[in-house]
Amino acid sequence: AAAWSALVPDLPTENIHVLPSIEHAVNLIRSLDAKSEPGVDVLVAGSLHLVGGVIEVAGLSDVAL
């Protein structure tokens, strides 16, 4: 959170989330997507372990691989 705030000082802090698990992140993204029009774009960056976890938890294996 501190890195994002430093890199993008104009980004509202309510748009920065630090969550304990991939499941929490996917749930938050789904709730944000349901509330916004036209939707939410998500970039997952990091290890293949993290990216693979997001694909699995979000149920995207049929379209992501």
N, C-alpha and C. Protein backbone atom coordinates (compact mmCIF):
# COMPACT_ATOMS: atom_id res chain seq x y z
N ALA A 1 0.83 -1.19 0.00
CA ALA A 1 0.00 0.00 0.00
C ALA A 1 0.87 1.26 0.00
N ALA A 2 1.94 1.22 0.80
CA ALA A 2 2.82 2.38 0.86
C ALA A 2 3.51 2.63 -0.47
N ALA A 3 3.88 1.57 -1.16
CA ALA A 3 4.54 1.72 -2.47
C ALA A 3 3.60 2.35 -3.48
N TRP A 4 2.34 1.89 -3.53
CA TRP A 4 1.38 2.49 -4.46
C TRP A 4 1.14 3.96 -4.12
N SER A 5 1.00 4.26 -2.85
CA SER A 5 0.79 5.65 -2.44
C SER A 5 1.96 6.54 -2.83
N ALA A 6 3.16 6.00 -2.73
CA ALA A 6 4.35 6.77 -3.11
C ALA A 6 4.46 6.92 -4.62
N LEU A 7 4.15 5.85 -5.36
CA LEU A 7 4.25 5.89 -6.81
C LEU A 7 3.16 6.73 -7.46
N VAL A 8 1.96 6.66 -6.91
CA VAL A 8 0.81 7.37 -7.49
C VAL A 8 0.11 8.14 -6.38
N PRO A 9 0.67 9.29 -6.01
CA PRO A 9 0.12 10.04 -4.87
C PRO A 9 -1.32 10.50 -5.05
N ASP A 10 -1.78 10.64 -6.30
CA ASP A 10 -3.15 11.09 -6.54
C ASP A 10 -4.18 9.96 -6.47
N LEU A 11 -3.72 8.72 -6.37
CA LEU A 11 -4.64 7.59 -6.28
C LEU A 11 -5.30 7.59 -4.91
N PRO A 12 -6.63 7.60 -4.88
CA PRO A 12 -7.31 7.60 -3.58
C PRO A 12 -6.96 6.35 -2.77
N THR A 13 -6.71 6.52 -1.50
CA THR A 13 -6.31 5.39 -0.66
C THR A 13 -7.40 4.33 -0.57
N GLU A 14 -8.67 4.69 -0.78
CA GLU A 14 -9.73 3.68 -0.76
C GLU A 14 -9.67 2.74 -1.97
N ASN A 15 -8.83 3.09 -2.95
CA ASN A 15 -8.64 2.22 -4.12
C ASN A 15 -7.42 1.31 -3.97
N ILE A 16 -6.76 1.36 -2.84
CA ILE A 16 -5.60 0.52 -2.58
C ILE A 16 -6.00 -0.52 -1.53
N HIS A 17 -5.82 -1.79 -1.88
CA HIS A 17 -6.25 -2.86 -0.99
C HIS A 17 -5.10 -3.82 -0.72
N VAL A 18 -4.90 -4.15 0.51
CA VAL A 18 -3.95 -5.18 0.92
C VAL A 18 -4.78 -6.28 1.56
N LEU A 19 -4.76 -7.46 0.94
CA LEU A 19 -5.65 -8.53 1.36
C LEU A 19 -4.84 -9.78 1.74
N PRO A 20 -5.41 -10.63 2.61
CA PRO A 20 -4.65 -11.77 3.11
C PRO A 20 -4.55 -12.97 2.18
N SER A 21 -5.38 -13.02 1.13
CA SER A 21 -5.35 -14.21 0.28
C SER A 21 -5.86 -13.89 -1.12
N ILE A 22 -5.58 -14.82 -2.02
CA ILE A 22 -6.10 -14.72 -3.39
C ILE A 22 -7.63 -14.75 -3.36
N GLU A 23 -8.20 -15.57 -2.54
CA GLU A 23 -9.66 -15.67 -2.44
C GLU A 23 -10.28 -14.33 -2.06
N HIS A 24 -9.67 -13.65 -1.09
CA HIS A 24 -10.17 -12.33 -0.70
C HIS A 24 -10.09 -11.35 -1.87
N ALA A 25 -8.99 -11.40 -2.59
CA ALA A 25 -8.81 -10.49 -3.73
C ALA A 25 -9.83 -10.76 -4.82
N VAL A 26 -10.05 -12.02 -5.16
CA VAL A 26 -11.03 -12.36 -6.20
C VAL A 26 -12.43 -11.94 -5.77
N ASN A 27 -12.77 -12.15 -4.51
CA ASN A 27 -14.08 -11.72 -4.01
C ASN A 27 -14.25 -10.22 -4.08
N LEU A 28 -13.20 -9.48 -3.73
CA LEU A 28 -13.27 -8.01 -3.82
C LEU A 28 -13.44 -7.57 -5.27
N ILE A 29 -12.67 -8.17 -6.16
CA ILE A 29 -12.77 -7.81 -7.58
C ILE A 29 -14.17 -8.08 -8.10
N ARG A 30 -14.74 -9.21 -7.74
CA ARG A 30 -16.10 -9.54 -8.19
C ARG A 30 -17.11 -8.55 -7.65
N SER A 31 -16.95 -8.12 -6.40
CA SER A 31 -17.90 -7.15 -5.85
C SER A 31 -17.74 -5.78 -6.51
N LEU A 32 -16.51 -5.39 -6.81
CA LEU A 32 -16.29 -4.13 -7.51
C LEU A 32 -16.84 -4.19 -8.93
N ASP A 33 -16.64 -5.33 -9.60
CA ASP A 33 -17.12 -5.50 -10.97
C ASP A 33 -18.63 -5.41 -11.04
N ALA A 34 -19.32 -5.96 -10.04
CA ALA A 34 -20.78 -5.93 -10.02
C ALA A 34 -21.31 -4.51 -9.83
N LYS A 35 -20.52 -3.65 -9.19
CA LYS A 35 -20.96 -2.29 -8.89
C LYS A 35 -20.60 -1.28 -9.98
N SER A 36 -19.68 -1.63 -10.87
CA SER A 36 -19.20 -0.62 -11.81
C SER A 36 -19.59 -0.94 -13.23
N GLU A 37 -19.76 0.09 -13.98
CA GLU A 37 -20.10 -0.01 -15.38
C GLU A 37 -19.02 0.70 -16.16
N PRO A 38 -18.30 0.15 -17.07
CA PRO A 38 -18.53 -1.10 -17.78
C PRO A 38 -17.91 -2.32 -17.12
N GLY A 39 -17.23 -2.17 -16.02
CA GLY A 39 -16.61 -3.31 -15.38
C GLY A 39 -15.25 -2.93 -14.83
N VAL A 40 -14.49 -3.91 -14.45
CA VAL A 40 -13.20 -3.70 -13.82
C VAL A 40 -12.13 -4.43 -14.63
N ASP A 41 -11.03 -3.76 -14.90
CA ASP A 41 -9.88 -4.40 -15.52
C ASP A 41 -8.90 -4.76 -14.42
N VAL A 42 -8.32 -5.95 -14.53
CA VAL A 42 -7.42 -6.44 -13.49
C VAL A 42 -6.12 -6.90 -14.14
N LEU A 43 -5.02 -6.49 -13.55
CA LEU A 43 -3.70 -6.96 -13.95
C LEU A 43 -3.11 -7.71 -12.77
N VAL A 44 -2.75 -8.96 -13.00
CA VAL A 44 -2.09 -9.76 -11.96
C VAL A 44 -0.64 -9.89 -12.36
N ALA A 45 0.24 -9.39 -11.53
CA ALA A 45 1.67 -9.44 -11.82
C ALA A 45 2.39 -10.05 -10.63
N GLY A 46 3.35 -10.85 -10.92
CA GLY A 46 4.11 -11.48 -9.84
C GLY A 46 4.59 -12.84 -10.28
N SER A 47 4.65 -13.73 -9.36
CA SER A 47 5.14 -15.07 -9.65
C SER A 47 4.10 -15.87 -10.42
N LEU A 48 4.56 -16.93 -11.07
CA LEU A 48 3.62 -17.83 -11.74
C LEU A 48 2.71 -18.50 -10.72
N HIS A 49 3.20 -18.68 -9.52
CA HIS A 49 2.39 -19.24 -8.44
C HIS A 49 1.19 -18.33 -8.16
N LEU A 50 1.43 -17.05 -8.06
CA LEU A 50 0.35 -16.09 -7.81
C LEU A 50 -0.63 -16.05 -8.97
N VAL A 51 -0.11 -15.91 -10.18
CA VAL A 51 -0.97 -15.82 -11.36
C VAL A 51 -1.80 -17.10 -11.52
N GLY A 52 -1.15 -18.27 -11.34
CA GLY A 52 -1.88 -19.53 -11.42
C GLY A 52 -2.94 -19.65 -10.35
N GLY A 53 -2.65 -19.16 -9.16
CA GLY A 53 -3.64 -19.16 -8.08
C GLY A 53 -4.86 -18.33 -8.41
N VAL A 54 -4.63 -17.17 -9.00
CA VAL A 54 -5.75 -16.30 -9.39
C VAL A 54 -6.58 -16.98 -10.48
N ILE A 55 -5.92 -17.57 -11.46
CA ILE A 55 -6.65 -18.28 -12.52
C ILE A 55 -7.51 -19.38 -11.93
N GLU A 56 -6.95 -20.14 -11.00
CA GLU A 56 -7.69 -21.25 -10.39
C GLU A 56 -8.85 -20.76 -9.53
N VAL A 57 -8.59 -19.82 -8.64
CA VAL A 57 -9.63 -19.34 -7.73
C VAL A 57 -10.75 -18.63 -8.49
N ALA A 58 -10.40 -17.89 -9.52
CA ALA A 58 -11.41 -17.15 -10.29
C ALA A 58 -12.14 -18.04 -11.30
N GLY A 59 -11.69 -19.29 -11.44
CA GLY A 59 -12.34 -20.19 -12.38
C GLY A 59 -12.12 -19.81 -13.83
N LEU A 60 -10.91 -19.35 -14.13
CA LEU A 60 -10.60 -18.87 -15.48
C LEU A 60 -9.75 -19.83 -16.30
N SER A 61 -9.56 -21.05 -15.81
CA SER A 61 -8.64 -21.96 -16.50
C SER A 61 -9.08 -22.28 -17.92
N ASP A 62 -10.38 -22.25 -18.21
CA ASP A 62 -10.83 -22.55 -19.55
C ASP A 62 -10.55 -21.41 -20.54
N VAL A 63 -10.38 -20.19 -20.07
CA VAL A 63 -10.12 -19.07 -20.98
C VAL A 63 -8.71 -18.51 -20.87
N ALA A 64 -8.02 -18.82 -19.77
CA ALA A 64 -6.70 -18.23 -19.54
C ALA A 64 -5.56 -19.10 -20.05
N LEU A 65 -5.79 -20.36 -20.25
CA LEU A 65 -4.71 -21.26 -20.65
C LEU A 65 -4.86 -21.69 -22.09
